[in-house]
Amino acid sequence: MAVESDNDNDTTIDHLIEIMAALRTPDTGCPWDLEQDFKSIAPYTLEEAYEVLDAIERSDMDDLKDELGDLLFQVVYHARMAEEAEAFKFADIVSCICEKMVRRHPHVFGDGTANSASDVNVLWDDIKASEKAAKIKTHGKSEPGSILDDVPRALPALLRGLKLQKRAAKVGFDWPALGPVFDKLEEEMGELSEAVSVGSHDEIKNELGDVLFSITNLARHLEIDPEEAMRDANVKFTTRFQHIENALQIEGRSLEAASLDEMEHHWNDAKKTAGT
């Protein structure tokens, strides 16, 4: 399937859809693209979303433009495979999201009222709850499912833990103050220490998971995104470790030849330079 354009600068979404169709056309398309399915492409979709986030955090607009294009291509890719399966088309995706955005913004497109971002959040949650109830009725379920059911399992673990906790907190399952949150974290740390001393690997893993979940809960009470905090910590570690590498390179030494004390010395220099 040849993809032709009368315009050398043809950059419409229709042209991108045509390119995707050409890649997936049997016999003339790309052998790699033809072998893919939803599951095999999903990791690339997730990767592209993270690359968008990385460009945003680096404030690199050129990269952001490029990465958003890659992410859009992923949407077109899934849409093409769905069309081949006669499930839906790209236009159906656009129609679906347009209808949803209008429905969830009655304060913009209807007679709803929202004077602040918090008002919008309340309105949004109410509308989502109504949508969920309608789905339950449509699918003939006699009883509603858990309020946790639609928290995606594929989310990064810290982010999913945060969302699960927020859902539970909305119905009152939450610590009333910060003190008990610290107490719970201390309790979980004690159980982890005990498991390390006498427990099995599986028990240690379970207790470590409880510690991470408690730390996520602490972040929520402090109104800090744990994923963002961890990303910042990763950047900090990377910067300091690279300082060690550079310092040793100036000295004409390798990482392998340096002692832990020497690396720790350069690490502390990096901390002093950064002021943290």
C-alpha atoms as a PDB file:
ATOM      1  CA  MET A   1       0.000   0.000   0.000  1.00  0.00           C
ATOM      2  CA  ALA A   2       1.662   3.214  -1.166  1.00  0.00           C
ATOM      3  CA  VAL A   3       1.190   6.356   0.859  1.00  0.00           C
ATOM      4  CA  GLU A   4       1.157   9.377  -1.393  1.00  0.00           C
ATOM      5  CA  SER A   5       0.672  13.017  -0.602  1.00  0.00           C
ATOM      6  CA  ASP A   6       0.072  16.014  -2.833  1.00  0.00           C
ATOM      7  CA  ASN A   7       1.642  18.162  -0.154  1.00  0.00           C
ATOM      8  CA  ASP A   8       5.237  17.667   0.941  1.00  0.00           C
ATOM      9  CA  ASN A   9       4.210  19.155   4.281  1.00  0.00           C
ATOM     10  CA  ASP A  10       1.151  16.957   4.728  1.00  0.00           C
ATOM     11  CA  THR A  11       0.913  16.687   8.501  1.00  0.00           C
ATOM     12  CA  THR A  12      -2.754  15.899   9.037  1.00  0.00           C
ATOM     13  CA  ILE A  13      -3.917  13.161  11.364  1.00  0.00           C
ATOM     14  CA  ASP A  14      -5.461  11.455   8.330  1.00  0.00           C
ATOM     15  CA  HIS A  15      -2.020  11.145   6.762  1.00  0.00           C
ATOM     16  CA  LEU A  16      -0.647   9.566   9.946  1.00  0.00           C
ATOM     17  CA  ILE A  17      -3.532   7.089   9.910  1.00  0.00           C
ATOM     18  CA  GLU A  18      -2.701   6.266   6.288  1.00  0.00           C
ATOM     19  CA  ILE A  19       0.943   5.682   7.203  1.00  0.00           C
ATOM     20  CA  MET A  20      -0.113   3.294   9.970  1.00  0.00           C
ATOM     21  CA  ALA A  21      -2.438   1.455   7.596  1.00  0.00           C
ATOM     22  CA  ALA A  22       0.419   1.071   5.118  1.00  0.00           C
ATOM     23  CA  LEU A  23       2.694  -0.368   7.800  1.00  0.00           C
ATOM     24  CA  ARG A  24       0.032  -2.948   8.670  1.00  0.00           C
ATOM     25  CA  THR A  25      -0.925  -3.904   5.109  1.00  0.00           C
ATOM     26  CA  PRO A  26      -0.171  -7.605   4.444  1.00  0.00           C
ATOM     27  CA  ASP A  27       2.554  -8.370   1.886  1.00  0.00           C
ATOM     28  CA  THR A  28       3.579  -4.730   1.359  1.00  0.00           C
ATOM     29  CA  GLY A  29       3.738  -3.518   4.954  1.00  0.00           C
ATOM     30  CA  CYS A  30       6.493  -3.688   7.551  1.00  0.00           C
ATOM     31  CA  PRO A  31       7.166  -7.278   8.719  1.00  0.00           C
ATOM     32  CA  TRP A  32       7.791  -6.142  12.314  1.00  0.00           C
ATOM     33  CA  ASP A  33       4.632  -4.027  12.509  1.00  0.00           C
ATOM     34  CA  LEU A  34       2.560  -6.827  11.012  1.00  0.00           C
ATOM     35  CA  GLU A  35       3.649  -9.212  13.777  1.00  0.00           C
ATOM     36  CA  GLN A  36       2.518  -6.941  16.617  1.00  0.00           C
ATOM     37  CA  ASP A  37      -0.666  -7.107  18.672  1.00  0.00           C
ATOM     38  CA  PHE A  38      -2.127  -5.094  21.554  1.00  0.00           C
ATOM     39  CA  LYS A  39      -0.086  -6.879  24.202  1.00  0.00           C
ATOM     40  CA  SER A  40       3.221  -6.629  22.367  1.00  0.00           C
ATOM     41  CA  ILE A  41       2.738  -2.928  21.662  1.00  0.00           C
ATOM     42  CA  ALA A  42       1.541  -2.038  25.190  1.00  0.00           C
ATOM     43  CA  PRO A  43       5.059  -1.772  26.692  1.00  0.00           C
ATOM     44  CA  TYR A  44       6.037   0.702  23.960  1.00  0.00           C
ATOM     45  CA  THR A  45       2.926   2.751  24.697  1.00  0.00           C
ATOM     46  CA  LEU A  46       3.886   2.941  28.350  1.00  0.00           C
ATOM     47  CA  GLU A  47       7.497   3.771  27.477  1.00  0.00           C
ATOM     48  CA  GLU A  48       6.423   6.632  25.206  1.00  0.00           C
ATOM     49  CA  ALA A  49       4.217   8.067  27.960  1.00  0.00           C
ATOM     50  CA  TYR A  50       7.200   8.095  30.317  1.00  0.00           C
ATOM     51  CA  GLU A  51       9.372   9.734  27.682  1.00  0.00           C
ATOM     52  CA  VAL A  52       6.775  12.505  27.434  1.00  0.00           C
ATOM     53  CA  LEU A  53       7.010  12.923  31.196  1.00  0.00           C
ATOM     54  CA  ASP A  54      10.809  13.003  31.021  1.00  0.00           C
ATOM     55  CA  ALA A  55      10.751  15.779  28.395  1.00  0.00           C
ATOM     56  CA  ILE A  56       8.342  17.780  30.557  1.00  0.00           C
ATOM     57  CA  GLU A  57      10.545  17.427  33.632  1.00  0.00           C
ATOM     58  CA  ARG A  58      13.560  18.553  31.617  1.00  0.00           C
ATOM     59  CA  SER A  59      11.547  21.495  30.189  1.00  0.00           C
ATOM     60  CA  ASP A  60      12.724  20.447  26.717  1.00  0.00           C
ATOM     61  CA  MET A  61      10.027  21.641  24.320  1.00  0.00           C
ATOM     62  CA  ASP A  62      11.704  20.178  21.218  1.00  0.00           C
ATOM     63  CA  ASP A  63      11.853  16.753  22.840  1.00  0.00           C
ATOM     64  CA  LEU A  64       8.306  17.156  24.154  1.00  0.00           C
ATOM     65  CA  LYS A  65       7.039  17.822  20.634  1.00  0.00           C
ATOM     66  CA  ASP A  66       8.841  14.730  19.387  1.00  0.00           C
ATOM     67  CA  GLU A  67       7.723  12.490  22.269  1.00  0.00           C
ATOM     68  CA  LEU A  68       4.095  13.609  22.012  1.00  0.00           C
ATOM     69  CA  GLY A  69       4.247  12.594  18.356  1.00  0.00           C
ATOM     70  CA  ASP A  70       5.532   9.153  19.370  1.00  0.00           C
ATOM     71  CA  LEU A  71       2.716   8.843  21.896  1.00  0.00           C
ATOM     72  CA  LEU A  72       0.130   9.899  19.324  1.00  0.00           C
ATOM     73  CA  PHE A  73       1.504   7.241  16.991  1.00  0.00           C
ATOM     74  CA  GLN A  74       0.876   4.669  19.699  1.00  0.00           C
ATOM     75  CA  VAL A  75      -2.786   5.709  19.833  1.00  0.00           C
ATOM     76  CA  VAL A  76      -3.028   5.417  16.045  1.00  0.00           C
ATOM     77  CA  TYR A  77      -1.310   2.015  16.225  1.00  0.00           C
ATOM     78  CA  HIS A  78      -3.848   0.615  18.695  1.00  0.00           C
ATOM     79  CA  ALA A  79      -6.693   2.160  16.719  1.00  0.00           C
ATOM     80  CA  ARG A  80      -5.488   0.452  13.542  1.00  0.00           C
ATOM     81  CA  MET A  81      -5.315  -2.960  15.198  1.00  0.00           C
ATOM     82  CA  ALA A  82      -8.798  -2.421  16.639  1.00  0.00           C
ATOM     83  CA  GLU A  83     -10.108  -1.505  13.196  1.00  0.00           C
ATOM     84  CA  GLU A  84      -8.590  -4.655  11.756  1.00  0.00           C
ATOM     85  CA  ALA A  85     -10.442  -6.602  14.457  1.00  0.00           C
ATOM     86  CA  GLU A  86     -13.631  -4.697  13.556  1.00  0.00           C
ATOM     87  CA  ALA A  87     -13.861  -3.394  17.129  1.00  0.00           C
ATOM     88  CA  PHE A  88     -13.609   0.375  16.595  1.00  0.00           C
ATOM     89  CA  LYS A  89     -11.825   3.013  14.516  1.00  0.00           C
ATOM     90  CA  PHE A  90      -9.707   6.072  15.314  1.00  0.00           C
ATOM     91  CA  ALA A  91     -12.741   8.295  14.738  1.00  0.00           C
ATOM     92  CA  ASP A  92     -14.585   6.351  17.451  1.00  0.00           C
ATOM     93  CA  ILE A  93     -11.783   7.126  19.912  1.00  0.00           C
ATOM     94  CA  VAL A  94     -12.042  10.834  19.114  1.00  0.00           C
ATOM     95  CA  SER A  95     -15.830  10.747  19.405  1.00  0.00           C
ATOM     96  CA  CYS A  96     -15.637   8.925  22.737  1.00  0.00           C
ATOM     97  CA  ILE A  97     -13.202  11.355  24.348  1.00  0.00           C
ATOM     98  CA  CYS A  98     -15.058  14.409  23.016  1.00  0.00           C
ATOM     99  CA  GLU A  99     -18.332  13.174  24.473  1.00  0.00           C
ATOM    100  CA  LYS A 100     -16.641  12.343  27.788  1.00  0.00           C
ATOM    101  CA  MET A 101     -14.939  15.746  28.129  1.00  0.00           C
ATOM    102  CA  VAL A 102     -18.165  17.618  27.404  1.00  0.00           C
ATOM    103  CA  ARG A 103     -20.084  15.382  29.825  1.00  0.00           C
ATOM    104  CA  ARG A 104     -17.512  15.838  32.590  1.00  0.00           C
ATOM    105  CA  HIS A 105     -17.340  19.626  32.184  1.00  0.00           C
ATOM    106  CA  PRO A 106     -20.949  20.776  32.659  1.00  0.00           C
ATOM    107  CA  HIS A 107     -19.555  23.971  34.233  1.00  0.00           C
ATOM    108  CA  VAL A 108     -18.078  24.807  30.807  1.00  0.00           C
ATOM    109  CA  PHE A 109     -20.466  23.219  28.338  1.00  0.00           C
ATOM    110  CA  GLY A 110     -23.679  23.085  30.384  1.00  0.00           C
ATOM    111  CA  ASP A 111     -25.438  24.666  33.315  1.00  0.00           C
ATOM    112  CA  GLY A 112     -23.105  23.329  36.025  1.00  0.00           C
ATOM    113  CA  THR A 113     -21.158  25.542  38.422  1.00  0.00           C
ATOM    114  CA  ALA A 114     -17.550  25.285  39.557  1.00  0.00           C
ATOM    115  CA  ASN A 115     -15.672  28.284  40.914  1.00  0.00           C
ATOM    116  CA  SER A 116     -12.427  26.563  41.899  1.00  0.00           C
ATOM    117  CA  ALA A 117     -10.247  23.579  41.061  1.00  0.00           C
ATOM    118  CA  SER A 118     -11.549  21.776  44.167  1.00  0.00           C
ATOM    119  CA  ASP A 119     -15.128  22.327  42.963  1.00  0.00           C
ATOM    120  CA  VAL A 120     -14.154  20.770  39.643  1.00  0.00           C
ATOM    121  CA  ASN A 121     -12.645  17.741  41.402  1.00  0.00           C
ATOM    122  CA  VAL A 122     -15.867  17.147  43.351  1.00  0.00           C
ATOM    123  CA  LEU A 123     -17.961  17.550  40.213  1.00  0.00           C
ATOM    124  CA  TRP A 124     -15.645  15.234  38.266  1.00  0.00           C
ATOM    125  CA  ASP A 125     -15.839  12.508  40.917  1.00  0.00           C
ATOM    126  CA  ASP A 126     -19.643  12.736  41.070  1.00  0.00           C
ATOM    127  CA  ILE A 127     -19.908  12.413  37.299  1.00  0.00           C
ATOM    128  CA  LYS A 128     -17.501   9.462  37.212  1.00  0.00           C
ATOM    129  CA  ALA A 129     -19.551   7.763  39.945  1.00  0.00           C
ATOM    130  CA  SER A 130     -22.701   8.266  37.865  1.00  0.00           C
ATOM    131  CA  GLU A 131     -20.959   6.847  34.798  1.00  0.00           C
ATOM    132  CA  LYS A 132     -19.849   3.808  36.767  1.00  0.00           C
ATOM    133  CA  ALA A 133     -23.368   3.222  38.072  1.00  0.00           C
ATOM    134  CA  ALA A 134     -24.715   3.468  34.534  1.00  0.00           C
ATOM    135  CA  LYS A 135     -22.186   0.886  33.333  1.00  0.00           C
ATOM    136  CA  ILE A 136     -23.207  -1.490  36.120  1.00  0.00           C
ATOM    137  CA  LYS A 137     -26.862  -1.115  35.132  1.00  0.00           C
ATOM    138  CA  THR A 138     -26.070  -1.547  31.431  1.00  0.00           C
ATOM    139  CA  HIS A 139     -24.109  -4.748  32.011  1.00  0.00           C
ATOM    140  CA  GLY A 140     -26.840  -6.192  34.192  1.00  0.00           C
ATOM    141  CA  LYS A 141     -24.882  -6.495  37.437  1.00  0.00           C
ATOM    142  CA  SER A 142     -27.104  -6.900  40.468  1.00  0.00           C
ATOM    143  CA  GLU A 143     -24.594  -5.308  42.841  1.00  0.00           C
ATOM    144  CA  PRO A 144     -21.961  -2.600  42.360  1.00  0.00           C
ATOM    145  CA  GLY A 145     -18.332  -3.660  42.464  1.00  0.00           C
ATOM    146  CA  SER A 146     -15.614  -2.352  44.725  1.00  0.00           C
ATOM    147  CA  ILE A 147     -14.743   1.336  44.645  1.00  0.00           C
ATOM    148  CA  LEU A 148     -11.206   0.122  43.964  1.00  0.00           C
ATOM    149  CA  ASP A 149     -12.098  -1.879  40.856  1.00  0.00           C
ATOM    150  CA  ASP A 150     -11.244   0.759  38.273  1.00  0.00           C
ATOM    151  CA  VAL A 151      -7.816   1.684  39.666  1.00  0.00           C
ATOM    152  CA  PRO A 152      -5.646   0.288  36.833  1.00  0.00           C
ATOM    153  CA  ARG A 153      -3.444  -2.633  37.860  1.00  0.00           C
ATOM    154  CA  ALA A 154      -0.774  -1.649  35.336  1.00  0.00           C
ATOM    155  CA  LEU A 155       0.000   1.661  37.058  1.00  0.00           C
ATOM    156  CA  PRO A 156       3.423   2.037  38.688  1.00  0.00           C
ATOM    157  CA  ALA A 157       3.160   0.467  42.138  1.00  0.00           C
ATOM    158  CA  LEU A 158       3.595   3.665  44.168  1.00  0.00           C
ATOM    159  CA  LEU A 159       1.080   5.530  42.026  1.00  0.00           C
ATOM    160  CA  ARG A 160      -1.466   2.718  42.252  1.00  0.00           C
ATOM    161  CA  GLY A 161      -0.994   2.547  46.013  1.00  0.00           C
ATOM    162  CA  LEU A 162      -1.614   6.290  46.223  1.00  0.00           C
ATOM    163  CA  LYS A 163      -4.808   6.029  44.181  1.00  0.00           C
ATOM    164  CA  LEU A 164      -6.069   3.063  46.209  1.00  0.00           C
ATOM    165  CA  GLN A 165      -5.501   5.002  49.435  1.00  0.00           C
ATOM    166  CA  LYS A 166      -7.272   8.074  48.064  1.00  0.00           C
ATOM    167  CA  ARG A 167     -10.297   5.978  47.103  1.00  0.00           C
ATOM    168  CA  ALA A 168     -10.475   4.435  50.576  1.00  0.00           C
ATOM    169  CA  ALA A 169     -10.001   7.833  52.238  1.00  0.00           C
ATOM    170  CA  LYS A 170     -13.031   9.246  50.421  1.00  0.00           C
ATOM    171  CA  VAL A 171     -15.301   6.882  52.369  1.00  0.00           C
ATOM    172  CA  GLY A 172     -13.581   7.551  55.687  1.00  0.00           C
ATOM    173  CA  PHE A 173     -10.998   4.756  55.778  1.00  0.00           C
ATOM    174  CA  ASP A 174      -8.046   6.936  56.690  1.00  0.00           C
ATOM    175  CA  TRP A 175      -5.940   8.123  59.597  1.00  0.00           C
ATOM    176  CA  PRO A 176      -7.359  11.378  61.014  1.00  0.00           C
ATOM    177  CA  ALA A 177      -3.937  12.992  61.550  1.00  0.00           C
ATOM    178  CA  LEU A 178      -0.268  12.682  60.628  1.00  0.00           C
ATOM    179  CA  GLY A 179       0.868  11.188  63.960  1.00  0.00           C
ATOM    180  CA  PRO A 180      -0.738   7.755  63.502  1.00  0.00           C
ATOM    181  CA  VAL A 181       0.722   7.585  59.996  1.00  0.00           C
ATOM    182  CA  PHE A 182       4.241   7.888  61.422  1.00  0.00           C
ATOM    183  CA  ASP A 183       3.340   5.346  64.105  1.00  0.00           C
ATOM    184  CA  LYS A 184       2.157   2.888  61.453  1.00  0.00           C
ATOM    185  CA  LEU A 185       5.340   3.369  59.445  1.00  0.00           C
ATOM    186  CA  GLU A 186       7.430   2.734  62.563  1.00  0.00           C
ATOM    187  CA  GLU A 187       5.386  -0.406  63.261  1.00  0.00           C
ATOM    188  CA  GLU A 188       5.924  -1.693  59.724  1.00  0.00           C
ATOM    189  CA  MET A 189       9.657  -0.953  59.920  1.00  0.00           C
ATOM    190  CA  GLY A 190       9.822  -3.018  63.110  1.00  0.00           C
ATOM    191  CA  GLU A 191       8.046  -5.928  61.434  1.00  0.00           C
ATOM    192  CA  LEU A 192      10.438  -5.683  58.465  1.00  0.00           C
ATOM    193  CA  SER A 193      13.450  -5.722  60.804  1.00  0.00           C
ATOM    194  CA  GLU A 194      12.080  -8.803  62.558  1.00  0.00           C
ATOM    195  CA  ALA A 195      11.411 -10.539  59.240  1.00  0.00           C
ATOM    196  CA  VAL A 196      14.982  -9.837  58.090  1.00  0.00           C
ATOM    197  CA  SER A 197      16.253 -11.442  61.299  1.00  0.00           C
ATOM    198  CA  VAL A 198      14.168 -14.625  61.263  1.00  0.00           C
ATOM    199  CA  GLY A 199      11.809 -14.618  58.289  1.00  0.00           C
ATOM    200  CA  SER A 200      11.811 -16.208  54.843  1.00  0.00           C
ATOM    201  CA  HIS A 201      12.459 -14.288  51.637  1.00  0.00           C
ATOM    202  CA  ASP A 202       8.717 -14.161  50.901  1.00  0.00           C
ATOM    203  CA  GLU A 203       7.971 -12.827  54.388  1.00  0.00           C
ATOM    204  CA  ILE A 204      10.657 -10.161  54.017  1.00  0.00           C
ATOM    205  CA  LYS A 205       9.188  -9.157  50.650  1.00  0.00           C
ATOM    206  CA  ASN A 206       5.703  -8.885  52.157  1.00  0.00           C
ATOM    207  CA  GLU A 207       6.910  -6.725  55.034  1.00  0.00           C
ATOM    208  CA  LEU A 208       8.933  -4.529  52.695  1.00  0.00           C
ATOM    209  CA  GLY A 209       5.782  -4.038  50.623  1.00  0.00           C
ATOM    210  CA  ASP A 210       3.940  -2.908  53.754  1.00  0.00           C
ATOM    211  CA  VAL A 211       6.715  -0.394  54.462  1.00  0.00           C
ATOM    212  CA  LEU A 212       6.515   1.006  50.938  1.00  0.00           C
ATOM    213  CA  PHE A 213       2.714   1.210  51.181  1.00  0.00           C
ATOM    214  CA  SER A 214       3.044   3.059  54.511  1.00  0.00           C
ATOM    215  CA  ILE A 215       5.569   5.478  53.015  1.00  0.00           C
ATOM    216  CA  THR A 216       3.138   6.128  50.176  1.00  0.00           C
ATOM    217  CA  ASN A 217       0.441   6.821  52.754  1.00  0.00           C
ATOM    218  CA  LEU A 218       2.779   9.252  54.537  1.00  0.00           C
ATOM    219  CA  ALA A 219       3.448  11.029  51.237  1.00  0.00           C
ATOM    220  CA  ARG A 220      -0.297  11.355  50.650  1.00  0.00           C
ATOM    221  CA  HIS A 221      -0.840  12.919  54.081  1.00  0.00           C
ATOM    222  CA  LEU A 222       2.037  15.309  53.395  1.00  0.00           C
ATOM    223  CA  GLU A 223       0.394  16.133  50.030  1.00  0.00           C
ATOM    224  CA  ILE A 224       3.464  14.942  48.138  1.00  0.00           C
ATOM    225  CA  ASP A 225       3.320  12.728  45.058  1.00  0.00           C
ATOM    226  CA  PRO A 226       5.515   9.720  45.986  1.00  0.00           C
ATOM    227  CA  GLU A 227       6.320   9.006  42.324  1.00  0.00           C
ATOM    228  CA  GLU A 228       7.527  12.574  41.845  1.00  0.00           C
ATOM    229  CA  ALA A 229       9.525  12.453  45.086  1.00  0.00           C
ATOM    230  CA  MET A 230      11.163   9.193  43.975  1.00  0.00           C
ATOM    231  CA  ARG A 231      11.970  10.618  40.543  1.00  0.00           C
ATOM    232  CA  ASP A 232      13.619  13.608  42.230  1.00  0.00           C
ATOM    233  CA  ALA A 233      15.609  11.240  44.447  1.00  0.00           C
ATOM    234  CA  ASN A 234      16.723   9.301  41.351  1.00  0.00           C
ATOM    235  CA  VAL A 235      17.927  12.509  39.715  1.00  0.00           C
ATOM    236  CA  LYS A 236      19.774  13.464  42.902  1.00  0.00           C
ATOM    237  CA  PHE A 237      21.460  10.067  43.112  1.00  0.00           C
ATOM    238  CA  THR A 238      22.434  10.178  39.437  1.00  0.00           C
ATOM    239  CA  THR A 239      23.972  13.642  39.786  1.00  0.00           C
ATOM    240  CA  ARG A 240      25.981  12.697  42.867  1.00  0.00           C
ATOM    241  CA  PHE A 241      27.183   9.384  41.456  1.00  0.00           C
ATOM    242  CA  GLN A 242      28.271  11.066  38.236  1.00  0.00           C
ATOM    243  CA  HIS A 243      30.236  13.515  40.402  1.00  0.00           C
ATOM    244  CA  ILE A 244      32.068  10.509  41.861  1.00  0.00           C
ATOM    245  CA  GLU A 245      32.813   9.217  38.362  1.00  0.00           C
ATOM    246  CA  ASN A 246      34.083  12.603  37.169  1.00  0.00           C
ATOM    247  CA  ALA A 247      36.210  13.173  40.275  1.00  0.00           C
ATOM    248  CA  LEU A 248      37.859   9.779  39.957  1.00  0.00           C
ATOM    249  CA  GLN A 249      38.417  10.305  36.236  1.00  0.00           C
ATOM    250  CA  ILE A 250      40.247  13.574  36.994  1.00  0.00           C
ATOM    251  CA  GLU A 251      42.405  11.633  39.448  1.00  0.00           C
ATOM    252  CA  GLY A 252      43.105   9.071  36.726  1.00  0.00           C
ATOM    253  CA  ARG A 253      41.356   6.301  38.634  1.00  0.00           C
ATOM    254  CA  SER A 254      38.501   3.942  37.860  1.00  0.00           C
ATOM    255  CA  LEU A 255      35.442   3.197  39.942  1.00  0.00           C
ATOM    256  CA  GLU A 256      36.580  -0.381  40.332  1.00  0.00           C
ATOM    257  CA  ALA A 257      39.926   0.698  41.783  1.00  0.00           C
ATOM    258  CA  ALA A 258      38.442   3.170  44.252  1.00  0.00           C
ATOM    259  CA  SER A 259      37.541   2.169  47.791  1.00  0.00           C
ATOM    260  CA  LEU A 260      34.124   2.759  49.303  1.00  0.00           C
ATOM    261  CA  ASP A 261      35.630   5.405  51.602  1.00  0.00           C
ATOM    262  CA  GLU A 262      37.030   7.279  48.606  1.00  0.00           C
ATOM    263  CA  MET A 263      33.707   7.159  46.791  1.00  0.00           C
ATOM    264  CA  GLU A 264      31.931   8.297  49.957  1.00  0.00           C
ATOM    265  CA  HIS A 265      34.332  11.255  50.175  1.00  0.00           C
ATOM    266  CA  HIS A 266      33.438  12.401  46.651  1.00  0.00           C
ATOM    267  CA  TRP A 267      29.752  11.750  47.373  1.00  0.00           C
ATOM    268  CA  ASN A 268      29.916  14.143  50.322  1.00  0.00           C
ATOM    269  CA  ASP A 269      31.671  16.695  48.116  1.00  0.00           C
ATOM    270  CA  ALA A 270      28.763  16.434  45.700  1.00  0.00           C
ATOM    271  CA  LYS A 271      26.304  17.029  48.544  1.00  0.00           C
ATOM    272  CA  LYS A 272      28.222  20.127  49.638  1.00  0.00           C
ATOM    273  CA  THR A 273      28.306  21.442  46.076  1.00  0.00           C
ATOM    274  CA  ALA A 274      24.560  20.951  45.683  1.00  0.00           C
ATOM    275  CA  GLY A 275      23.810  22.266  49.147  1.00  0.00           C
ATOM    276  CA  THR A 276      21.652  19.246  50.079  1.00  0.00           C
END
